[in-house]
């Protein structure tokens, strides 16, 4: 059985199209390219990414792929309690791995968290969590 890791951020931002679009604009401003899953040929602008999140019916497919420097990952956006916007990144590329003392390797969450904090610098972060499922 595989373990999948994620980083989730809850923002003090209402879940609505213009806020999702604005969030994706911040990703693009930080040189993070957005794609339709399984196709690096279909690069998305912020409004295209927001439309994908809002119009895909199946919750499993409500995500976009992102590429930053030498890593890839998925970005999903959710509606939380009180209509707040929550997003997660997961499905991390193996390139941002860290070697530990016992010669084991794991995802370098610190690099991803720093990236997320840079993207979210204009927002109020209510919660940041890492998790495994």
Protein backbone atom coordinates (compact mmCIF):
# COMPACT_ATOMS: atom_id res chain seq x y z
CA UNK A 1 0.00 0.00 0.00
CA UNK A 2 1.36 3.41 -0.95
CA UNK A 3 1.34 6.44 1.30
CA UNK A 4 0.51 9.79 -0.26
CA UNK A 5 1.58 13.01 1.45
CA UNK A 6 -0.04 16.42 1.25
CA UNK A 7 0.27 19.94 2.58
CA UNK A 8 -3.02 21.77 3.21
CA UNK A 9 -3.59 25.46 3.76
CA UNK A 10 -6.81 27.10 4.92
CA UNK A 11 -7.04 30.76 3.94
CA UNK A 12 -9.18 33.55 5.32
CA UNK A 13 -10.65 33.89 1.84
CA UNK A 14 -14.13 33.04 0.59
CA UNK A 15 -14.51 30.14 -1.84
CA UNK A 16 -15.61 31.92 -5.02
CA UNK A 17 -14.38 32.14 -8.58
CA UNK A 18 -12.57 35.49 -8.41
CA UNK A 19 -10.67 34.43 -5.26
CA UNK A 20 -9.66 31.09 -6.78
CA UNK A 21 -8.55 32.93 -9.92
CA UNK A 22 -6.55 35.40 -7.78
CA UNK A 23 -4.90 32.52 -5.89
CA UNK A 24 -3.83 30.91 -9.17
CA UNK A 25 -2.52 34.31 -10.36
CA UNK A 26 -0.21 34.25 -7.34
CA UNK A 27 1.05 30.81 -8.36
CA UNK A 28 1.82 32.13 -11.85
CA UNK A 29 3.53 35.26 -10.47
CA UNK A 30 5.89 32.92 -8.60
CA UNK A 31 6.92 31.21 -11.87
CA UNK A 32 4.80 28.15 -11.22
CA UNK A 33 3.23 26.84 -14.42
CA UNK A 34 -0.22 25.25 -14.29
CA UNK A 35 -1.41 22.38 -16.47
CA UNK A 36 -4.39 20.19 -17.15
CA UNK A 37 -3.57 16.84 -15.50
CA UNK A 38 -1.77 14.33 -17.74
CA UNK A 39 -0.97 16.96 -20.37
CA UNK A 40 1.94 19.38 -20.15
CA UNK A 41 0.87 20.70 -23.53
CA UNK A 42 -2.25 22.32 -22.06
CA UNK A 43 -0.78 25.12 -19.96
CA UNK A 44 -3.44 27.06 -18.03
CA UNK A 45 -3.86 30.72 -17.20
CA UNK A 46 -5.27 31.52 -13.76
CA UNK A 47 -8.88 31.81 -14.99
CA UNK A 48 -8.60 28.47 -16.83
CA UNK A 49 -7.31 26.80 -13.69
CA UNK A 50 -10.12 28.36 -11.62
CA UNK A 51 -12.73 27.24 -14.17
CA UNK A 52 -11.37 23.69 -14.04
CA UNK A 53 -11.67 23.59 -10.24
CA UNK A 54 -15.22 24.96 -10.30
CA UNK A 55 -16.66 22.98 -13.23
CA UNK A 56 -15.26 19.45 -12.83
CA UNK A 57 -18.04 17.34 -11.36
CA UNK A 58 -15.97 14.50 -9.88
CA UNK A 59 -14.17 15.62 -6.70
CA UNK A 60 -11.28 13.29 -7.51
CA UNK A 61 -10.48 15.34 -10.62
CA UNK A 62 -10.73 18.84 -9.09
CA UNK A 63 -7.06 19.61 -9.36
CA UNK A 64 -4.44 21.02 -11.68
CA UNK A 65 -0.84 19.98 -12.10
CA UNK A 66 1.90 22.48 -11.33
CA UNK A 67 5.54 22.69 -12.35
CA UNK A 68 8.11 24.75 -10.46
CA UNK A 69 11.80 24.57 -11.27
CA UNK A 70 12.61 20.85 -11.21
CA UNK A 71 9.53 19.53 -9.41
CA UNK A 72 5.90 18.74 -10.25
CA UNK A 73 2.91 18.45 -7.93
CA UNK A 74 -0.89 18.64 -7.86
CA UNK A 75 -2.95 21.55 -6.53
CA UNK A 76 -6.53 20.95 -5.39
CA UNK A 77 -8.96 23.59 -4.08
CA UNK A 78 -11.82 22.85 -1.68
CA UNK A 79 -14.69 24.62 0.02
CA UNK A 80 -14.41 24.40 3.82
CA UNK A 81 -16.72 25.38 6.68
CA UNK A 82 -17.99 28.95 6.54
CA UNK A 83 -17.37 28.94 2.78
CA UNK A 84 -13.61 29.37 3.27
CA UNK A 85 -11.06 28.40 0.64
CA UNK A 86 -8.70 25.54 1.38
CA UNK A 87 -6.14 24.13 -1.01
CA UNK A 88 -3.68 21.30 -0.90
CA UNK A 89 -0.62 20.25 -2.78
CA UNK A 90 0.23 16.58 -3.14
CA UNK A 91 1.52 13.96 -5.55
CA UNK A 92 5.04 15.35 -5.20
CA UNK A 93 7.78 14.64 -7.72
CA UNK A 94 10.69 12.66 -6.34
CA UNK A 95 13.21 15.35 -7.26
CA UNK A 96 12.64 17.33 -4.04
CA UNK A 97 13.70 14.55 -1.70
CA UNK A 98 15.89 14.77 1.35
CA UNK A 99 18.31 12.16 2.61
CA UNK A 100 18.02 11.38 6.31
CA UNK A 101 20.65 10.05 8.72
CA UNK A 102 19.65 6.39 8.27
CA UNK A 103 20.13 6.59 4.46
CA UNK A 104 16.38 6.80 3.99
CA UNK A 105 14.78 9.38 1.70
CA UNK A 106 11.63 11.41 2.13
CA UNK A 107 9.80 14.39 0.68
CA UNK A 108 11.49 17.68 1.57
CA UNK A 109 8.39 19.35 3.03
CA UNK A 110 10.38 22.41 4.10
CA UNK A 111 11.01 23.40 0.46
CA UNK A 112 7.33 23.01 -0.43
CA UNK A 113 6.18 24.92 2.67
CA UNK A 114 8.55 27.80 1.86
CA UNK A 115 7.13 27.86 -1.66
CA UNK A 116 3.57 27.91 -0.31
CA UNK A 117 4.34 30.71 2.12
CA UNK A 118 5.77 32.77 -0.73
CA UNK A 119 2.66 32.17 -2.86
CA UNK A 120 0.35 33.01 0.08
CA UNK A 121 2.19 36.08 1.38
CA UNK A 122 -0.79 38.35 0.51
CA UNK A 123 -3.33 36.13 2.28
CA UNK A 124 -4.11 35.39 5.91
CA UNK A 125 -3.31 31.74 6.60
CA UNK A 126 -5.64 30.24 9.20
CA UNK A 127 -4.14 26.76 9.15
CA UNK A 128 -1.25 24.85 7.59
CA UNK A 129 -1.09 21.07 7.97
CA UNK A 130 0.86 18.20 6.53
CA UNK A 131 -0.65 14.79 6.31
CA UNK A 132 -0.51 11.29 4.90
CA UNK A 133 -3.28 9.18 3.48
